[in-house]
Amino acid sequence: VQLQASGGGLVQAGGSLRLSCTASGGTFGRYIAWFRQAPGKEREFVGAVPRNGGNTYYEDSVKGRVTITRDNAKNAVYLQLDNLKPEDTAVYYCATGNAILSSIRMPRGYTYWGQGTKVTVSS
């Protein structure tokens, strides 16, 4: 499965962006997740959505400002980022795999990764 992330860019604080992740060469695994990595920091969980419905999970630091949706017909998952802050600046990655619930917040729970899309939030 190949994942393609897109939609990043430069936005002012308080603005919004919508990131997309599309899958080709196969379908999404049990969970589709978004992670982000800021310069000099470890990769951080943002949120995850199950492929076949159910609860969506978000990291506490972004809860209320981030929404993950999926469109199975288009083999796509979206990350809506609202009220962006400078500390949201990072490369955002989508990932998928057959993670179990206890591991959805960990990079090792995912097999396939997109190339990342950069989000820069100016103050």
N, C-alpha and C. Protein backbone atom coordinates (compact mmCIF):
# COMPACT_ATOMS: atom_id res chain seq x y z
N VAL A 1 0.85 -1.19 0.00
CA VAL A 1 0.00 0.00 0.00
C VAL A 1 0.89 1.24 0.00
N GLN A 2 0.59 2.16 -0.89
CA GLN A 2 1.31 3.44 -0.91
C GLN A 2 0.37 4.53 -0.42
N LEU A 3 0.90 5.36 0.48
CA LEU A 3 0.12 6.46 1.02
C LEU A 3 0.70 7.78 0.52
N GLN A 4 -0.19 8.67 0.16
CA GLN A 4 0.22 9.98 -0.33
C GLN A 4 -0.46 11.04 0.53
N ALA A 5 0.35 11.79 1.26
CA ALA A 5 -0.17 12.87 2.08
C ALA A 5 0.01 14.19 1.35
N SER A 6 -0.98 15.06 1.49
CA SER A 6 -0.90 16.36 0.83
C SER A 6 -1.73 17.38 1.61
N GLY A 7 -1.58 18.64 1.24
CA GLY A 7 -2.41 19.69 1.83
C GLY A 7 -1.69 20.60 2.80
N GLY A 8 -0.44 20.31 3.09
CA GLY A 8 0.29 21.17 4.00
C GLY A 8 0.59 22.52 3.38
N GLY A 9 1.09 23.41 4.22
CA GLY A 9 1.42 24.74 3.73
C GLY A 9 1.70 25.68 4.86
N LEU A 10 1.79 26.95 4.52
CA LEU A 10 2.05 28.01 5.49
C LEU A 10 0.73 28.70 5.81
N VAL A 11 0.44 28.82 7.10
CA VAL A 11 -0.81 29.43 7.52
C VAL A 11 -0.53 30.27 8.76
N GLN A 12 -1.31 31.31 8.94
CA GLN A 12 -1.16 32.13 10.14
C GLN A 12 -1.84 31.47 11.33
N ALA A 13 -1.39 31.81 12.49
CA ALA A 13 -2.01 31.30 13.71
C ALA A 13 -3.49 31.63 13.70
N GLY A 14 -4.29 30.65 14.11
CA GLY A 14 -5.74 30.80 14.07
C GLY A 14 -6.37 30.29 12.80
N GLY A 15 -5.55 30.01 11.82
CA GLY A 15 -6.06 29.54 10.53
C GLY A 15 -6.34 28.05 10.53
N SER A 16 -6.71 27.56 9.36
CA SER A 16 -7.09 26.16 9.20
C SER A 16 -6.40 25.55 7.99
N LEU A 17 -6.24 24.26 8.04
CA LEU A 17 -5.74 23.49 6.90
C LEU A 17 -6.46 22.15 6.89
N ARG A 18 -6.59 21.59 5.71
CA ARG A 18 -7.13 20.25 5.58
C ARG A 18 -6.11 19.38 4.86
N LEU A 19 -5.62 18.39 5.56
CA LEU A 19 -4.65 17.47 4.98
C LEU A 19 -5.38 16.24 4.46
N SER A 20 -4.84 15.71 3.38
CA SER A 20 -5.43 14.51 2.77
C SER A 20 -4.42 13.39 2.75
N CYS A 21 -4.93 12.19 2.85
CA CYS A 21 -4.10 10.99 2.73
C CYS A 21 -4.85 10.01 1.86
N THR A 22 -4.26 9.66 0.74
CA THR A 22 -4.89 8.72 -0.16
C THR A 22 -4.05 7.45 -0.27
N ALA A 23 -4.72 6.34 -0.41
CA ALA A 23 -4.05 5.06 -0.51
C ALA A 23 -4.17 4.52 -1.93
N SER A 24 -3.09 3.92 -2.39
CA SER A 24 -3.11 3.26 -3.69
C SER A 24 -2.39 1.93 -3.58
N GLY A 25 -2.70 1.03 -4.49
CA GLY A 25 -2.08 -0.27 -4.47
C GLY A 25 -2.61 -1.17 -3.38
N GLY A 26 -3.74 -0.81 -2.80
CA GLY A 26 -4.33 -1.59 -1.72
C GLY A 26 -5.28 -0.72 -0.92
N THR A 27 -5.74 -1.24 0.16
CA THR A 27 -6.69 -0.49 0.99
C THR A 27 -6.06 -0.20 2.35
N PHE A 28 -6.69 0.67 3.06
CA PHE A 28 -6.24 0.99 4.41
C PHE A 28 -6.32 -0.23 5.32
N GLY A 29 -5.48 -0.25 6.31
CA GLY A 29 -5.52 -1.27 7.33
C GLY A 29 -6.58 -0.98 8.37
N ARG A 30 -6.54 -1.68 9.45
CA ARG A 30 -7.56 -1.56 10.49
C ARG A 30 -7.69 -0.13 11.00
N TYR A 31 -6.58 0.56 11.16
CA TYR A 31 -6.59 1.95 11.60
C TYR A 31 -5.79 2.80 10.62
N ILE A 32 -6.22 4.04 10.49
CA ILE A 32 -5.47 5.04 9.75
C ILE A 32 -5.16 6.17 10.73
N ALA A 33 -3.92 6.52 10.82
CA ALA A 33 -3.50 7.49 11.83
C ALA A 33 -2.76 8.66 11.20
N TRP A 34 -2.76 9.74 11.95
CA TRP A 34 -1.92 10.88 11.63
C TRP A 34 -0.94 11.08 12.78
N PHE A 35 0.31 11.26 12.40
CA PHE A 35 1.36 11.61 13.33
C PHE A 35 1.99 12.91 12.85
N ARG A 36 2.74 13.54 13.71
CA ARG A 36 3.49 14.72 13.30
C ARG A 36 4.85 14.71 13.97
N GLN A 37 5.78 15.37 13.32
CA GLN A 37 7.12 15.44 13.86
C GLN A 37 7.68 16.84 13.63
N ALA A 38 7.94 17.51 14.73
CA ALA A 38 8.54 18.83 14.68
C ALA A 38 10.06 18.68 14.67
N PRO A 39 10.78 19.67 14.19
CA PRO A 39 12.24 19.57 14.16
C PRO A 39 12.82 19.29 15.54
N GLY A 40 13.66 18.29 15.61
CA GLY A 40 14.32 17.96 16.86
C GLY A 40 13.47 17.22 17.86
N LYS A 41 12.27 16.86 17.46
CA LYS A 41 11.37 16.15 18.38
C LYS A 41 11.00 14.78 17.83
N GLU A 42 10.47 13.96 18.70
CA GLU A 42 10.04 12.64 18.29
C GLU A 42 8.69 12.73 17.56
N ARG A 43 8.42 11.70 16.79
CA ARG A 43 7.15 11.63 16.10
C ARG A 43 6.03 11.49 17.13
N GLU A 44 4.98 12.29 16.94
CA GLU A 44 3.92 12.40 17.94
C GLU A 44 2.59 12.00 17.32
N PHE A 45 1.83 11.25 18.06
CA PHE A 45 0.49 10.83 17.64
C PHE A 45 -0.45 12.03 17.62
N VAL A 46 -1.23 12.15 16.54
CA VAL A 46 -2.23 13.20 16.44
C VAL A 46 -3.63 12.61 16.59
N GLY A 47 -3.91 11.57 15.85
CA GLY A 47 -5.21 10.94 15.93
C GLY A 47 -5.28 9.72 15.04
N ALA A 48 -6.32 8.93 15.24
CA ALA A 48 -6.50 7.72 14.44
C ALA A 48 -7.99 7.42 14.29
N VAL A 49 -8.31 6.86 13.14
CA VAL A 49 -9.69 6.50 12.85
C VAL A 49 -9.72 5.05 12.38
N PRO A 50 -10.69 4.29 12.83
CA PRO A 50 -10.78 2.91 12.33
C PRO A 50 -11.34 2.89 10.92
N ARG A 51 -10.90 1.97 10.11
CA ARG A 51 -11.34 1.89 8.73
C ARG A 51 -12.83 1.61 8.61
N ASN A 52 -13.35 0.79 9.50
CA ASN A 52 -14.72 0.32 9.36
C ASN A 52 -15.70 0.93 10.35
N GLY A 53 -15.38 2.13 10.82
CA GLY A 53 -16.32 2.79 11.72
C GLY A 53 -15.96 2.55 13.16
N GLY A 54 -16.51 3.39 14.03
CA GLY A 54 -16.18 3.31 15.44
C GLY A 54 -15.57 4.61 15.91
N ASN A 55 -15.03 4.57 17.09
CA ASN A 55 -14.49 5.79 17.70
C ASN A 55 -13.26 6.28 16.98
N THR A 56 -13.13 7.60 16.94
CA THR A 56 -11.91 8.25 16.49
C THR A 56 -11.17 8.73 17.72
N TYR A 57 -9.86 8.59 17.71
CA TYR A 57 -9.05 8.91 18.89
C TYR A 57 -8.13 10.08 18.56
N TYR A 58 -7.98 10.99 19.51
CA TYR A 58 -7.15 12.16 19.33
C TYR A 58 -6.21 12.33 20.51
N GLU A 59 -5.04 12.88 20.18
CA GLU A 59 -4.12 13.27 21.24
C GLU A 59 -4.72 14.44 22.00
N ASP A 60 -4.51 14.47 23.30
CA ASP A 60 -5.13 15.51 24.13
C ASP A 60 -4.74 16.92 23.70
N SER A 61 -3.51 17.09 23.23
CA SER A 61 -3.03 18.44 22.91
C SER A 61 -3.73 19.04 21.69
N VAL A 62 -4.38 18.22 20.89
CA VAL A 62 -5.05 18.73 19.69
C VAL A 62 -6.56 18.53 19.74
N LYS A 63 -7.03 17.86 20.75
CA LYS A 63 -8.46 17.56 20.84
C LYS A 63 -9.26 18.86 20.82
N GLY A 64 -10.32 18.87 20.03
CA GLY A 64 -11.13 20.07 19.88
C GLY A 64 -10.71 20.96 18.74
N ARG A 65 -9.51 20.75 18.22
CA ARG A 65 -9.01 21.56 17.09
C ARG A 65 -8.77 20.70 15.86
N VAL A 66 -8.88 19.40 16.01
CA VAL A 66 -8.55 18.47 14.93
C VAL A 66 -9.72 17.51 14.70
N THR A 67 -9.99 17.24 13.46
CA THR A 67 -11.03 16.27 13.11
C THR A 67 -10.51 15.37 12.01
N ILE A 68 -10.65 14.08 12.23
CA ILE A 68 -10.27 13.10 11.20
C ILE A 68 -11.54 12.51 10.61
N THR A 69 -11.60 12.51 9.31
CA THR A 69 -12.71 11.88 8.62
C THR A 69 -12.16 10.94 7.55
N ARG A 70 -12.98 10.04 7.08
CA ARG A 70 -12.53 9.11 6.06
C ARG A 70 -13.59 8.96 4.99
N ASP A 71 -13.13 8.63 3.80
CA ASP A 71 -14.00 8.37 2.67
C ASP A 71 -13.52 7.07 2.05
N ASN A 72 -14.13 5.98 2.46
CA ASN A 72 -13.68 4.67 2.00
C ASN A 72 -13.83 4.51 0.49
N ALA A 73 -14.83 5.15 -0.09
CA ALA A 73 -15.03 5.03 -1.53
C ALA A 73 -13.86 5.65 -2.31
N LYS A 74 -13.27 6.68 -1.72
CA LYS A 74 -12.14 7.34 -2.37
C LYS A 74 -10.80 6.86 -1.83
N ASN A 75 -10.84 5.92 -0.91
CA ASN A 75 -9.61 5.45 -0.27
C ASN A 75 -8.82 6.62 0.30
N ALA A 76 -9.53 7.49 1.01
CA ALA A 76 -8.91 8.71 1.50
C ALA A 76 -9.29 8.97 2.95
N VAL A 77 -8.39 9.60 3.65
CA VAL A 77 -8.62 10.06 5.02
C VAL A 77 -8.16 11.50 5.08
N TYR A 78 -8.87 12.29 5.87
CA TYR A 78 -8.60 13.71 5.94
C TYR A 78 -8.33 14.12 7.38
N LEU A 79 -7.47 15.10 7.53
CA LEU A 79 -7.17 15.68 8.83
C LEU A 79 -7.46 17.17 8.74
N GLN A 80 -8.54 17.58 9.40
CA GLN A 80 -8.90 18.99 9.46
C GLN A 80 -8.25 19.62 10.67
N LEU A 81 -7.44 20.62 10.43
CA LEU A 81 -6.74 21.33 11.50
C LEU A 81 -7.31 22.73 11.61
N ASP A 82 -7.86 23.06 12.75
CA ASP A 82 -8.46 24.37 12.98
C ASP A 82 -7.76 25.09 14.13
N ASN A 83 -7.92 26.41 14.14
CA ASN A 83 -7.32 27.22 15.20
C ASN A 83 -5.85 26.85 15.40
N LEU A 84 -5.13 26.83 14.31
CA LEU A 84 -3.74 26.39 14.37
C LEU A 84 -2.88 27.31 15.20
N LYS A 85 -1.89 26.71 15.85
CA LYS A 85 -0.96 27.43 16.70
C LYS A 85 0.45 27.22 16.18
N PRO A 86 1.37 28.11 16.49
CA PRO A 86 2.76 27.91 16.04
C PRO A 86 3.33 26.56 16.47
N GLU A 87 2.92 26.07 17.62
CA GLU A 87 3.44 24.78 18.08
C GLU A 87 2.90 23.59 17.29
N ASP A 88 1.97 23.84 16.40
CA ASP A 88 1.49 22.79 15.50
C ASP A 88 2.41 22.62 14.28
N THR A 89 3.39 23.49 14.15
CA THR A 89 4.33 23.40 13.04
C THR A 89 5.08 22.07 13.09
N ALA A 90 4.98 21.32 12.01
CA ALA A 90 5.59 19.99 11.97
C ALA A 90 5.36 19.40 10.58
N VAL A 91 6.02 18.30 10.33
CA VAL A 91 5.69 17.47 9.17
C VAL A 91 4.64 16.47 9.64
N TYR A 92 3.56 16.41 8.92
CA TYR A 92 2.45 15.53 9.27
C TYR A 92 2.49 14.30 8.37
N TYR A 93 2.38 13.15 9.01
CA TYR A 93 2.43 11.87 8.31
C TYR A 93 1.14 11.10 8.51
N CYS A 94 0.68 10.46 7.46
CA CYS A 94 -0.40 9.50 7.64
C CYS A 94 0.20 8.10 7.61
N ALA A 95 -0.46 7.21 8.28
CA ALA A 95 0.04 5.84 8.40
C ALA A 95 -1.15 4.90 8.53
N THR A 96 -0.93 3.68 8.14
CA THR A 96 -1.99 2.69 8.29
C THR A 96 -1.39 1.33 8.57
N GLY A 97 -2.19 0.51 9.17
CA GLY A 97 -1.76 -0.84 9.49
C GLY A 97 -2.82 -1.50 10.34
N ASN A 98 -2.52 -2.69 10.75
CA ASN A 98 -3.49 -3.43 11.56
C ASN A 98 -3.18 -3.31 13.04
N ALA A 99 -2.98 -2.07 13.46
CA ALA A 99 -2.74 -1.81 14.88
C ALA A 99 -3.93 -2.28 15.70
N ILE A 100 -3.64 -2.71 16.90
CA ILE A 100 -4.71 -2.98 17.85
C ILE A 100 -4.89 -1.75 18.72
N LEU A 101 -6.00 -1.68 19.41
CA LEU A 101 -6.36 -0.46 20.11
C LEU A 101 -5.27 0.00 21.07
N SER A 102 -4.61 -0.93 21.70
CA SER A 102 -3.59 -0.55 22.69
C SER A 102 -2.35 0.05 22.05
N SER A 103 -2.21 -0.07 20.74
CA SER A 103 -1.00 0.43 20.09
C SER A 103 -1.27 1.52 19.05
N ILE A 104 -2.47 2.03 18.97
CA ILE A 104 -2.78 2.98 17.91
C ILE A 104 -2.03 4.30 18.08
N ARG A 105 -1.57 4.60 19.27
CA ARG A 105 -0.85 5.85 19.50
C ARG A 105 0.64 5.72 19.28
N MET A 106 1.09 4.57 18.88
CA MET A 106 2.51 4.30 18.73
C MET A 106 2.88 4.10 17.27
N PRO A 107 3.98 4.69 16.82
CA PRO A 107 4.38 4.48 15.42
C PRO A 107 4.54 3.01 15.05
N ARG A 108 4.95 2.20 15.99
CA ARG A 108 5.18 0.78 15.69
C ARG A 108 3.90 0.04 15.41
N GLY A 109 2.76 0.67 15.64
CA GLY A 109 1.49 0.02 15.34
C GLY A 109 1.13 0.07 13.86
N TYR A 110 1.96 0.76 13.06
CA TYR A 110 1.61 0.99 11.67
C TYR A 110 2.69 0.50 10.73
N THR A 111 2.26 -0.08 9.63
CA THR A 111 3.18 -0.68 8.67
C THR A 111 3.50 0.26 7.52
N TYR A 112 2.52 0.99 7.07
CA TYR A 112 2.68 1.82 5.87
C TYR A 112 2.60 3.30 6.25
N TRP A 113 3.51 4.08 5.64
CA TRP A 113 3.60 5.49 5.95
C TRP A 113 3.64 6.31 4.67
N GLY A 114 2.99 7.46 4.74
CA GLY A 114 3.12 8.42 3.66
C GLY A 114 4.42 9.20 3.81
N GLN A 115 4.70 10.05 2.84
CA GLN A 115 5.97 10.76 2.81
C GLN A 115 5.98 12.01 3.68
N GLY A 116 4.81 12.41 4.17
CA GLY A 116 4.75 13.59 5.02
C GLY A 116 4.41 14.83 4.25
N THR A 117 3.71 15.72 4.91
CA THR A 117 3.39 17.03 4.33
C THR A 117 3.63 18.07 5.41
N LYS A 118 4.32 19.14 5.05
CA LYS A 118 4.79 20.10 6.03
C LYS A 118 3.73 21.17 6.31
N VAL A 119 3.52 21.40 7.59
CA VAL A 119 2.61 22.46 8.04
C VAL A 119 3.44 23.46 8.83
N THR A 120 3.37 24.70 8.43
CA THR A 120 4.07 25.77 9.12
C THR A 120 3.05 26.81 9.55
N VAL A 121 3.04 27.09 10.85
CA VAL A 121 2.09 28.07 11.39
C VAL A 121 2.88 29.27 11.89
N SER A 122 2.60 30.41 11.32
CA SER A 122 3.30 31.62 11.73
C SER A 122 2.50 32.37 12.79
N SER A 123 3.23 33.03 13.67
CA SER A 123 2.57 33.75 14.76
C SER A 123 2.22 35.18 14.37
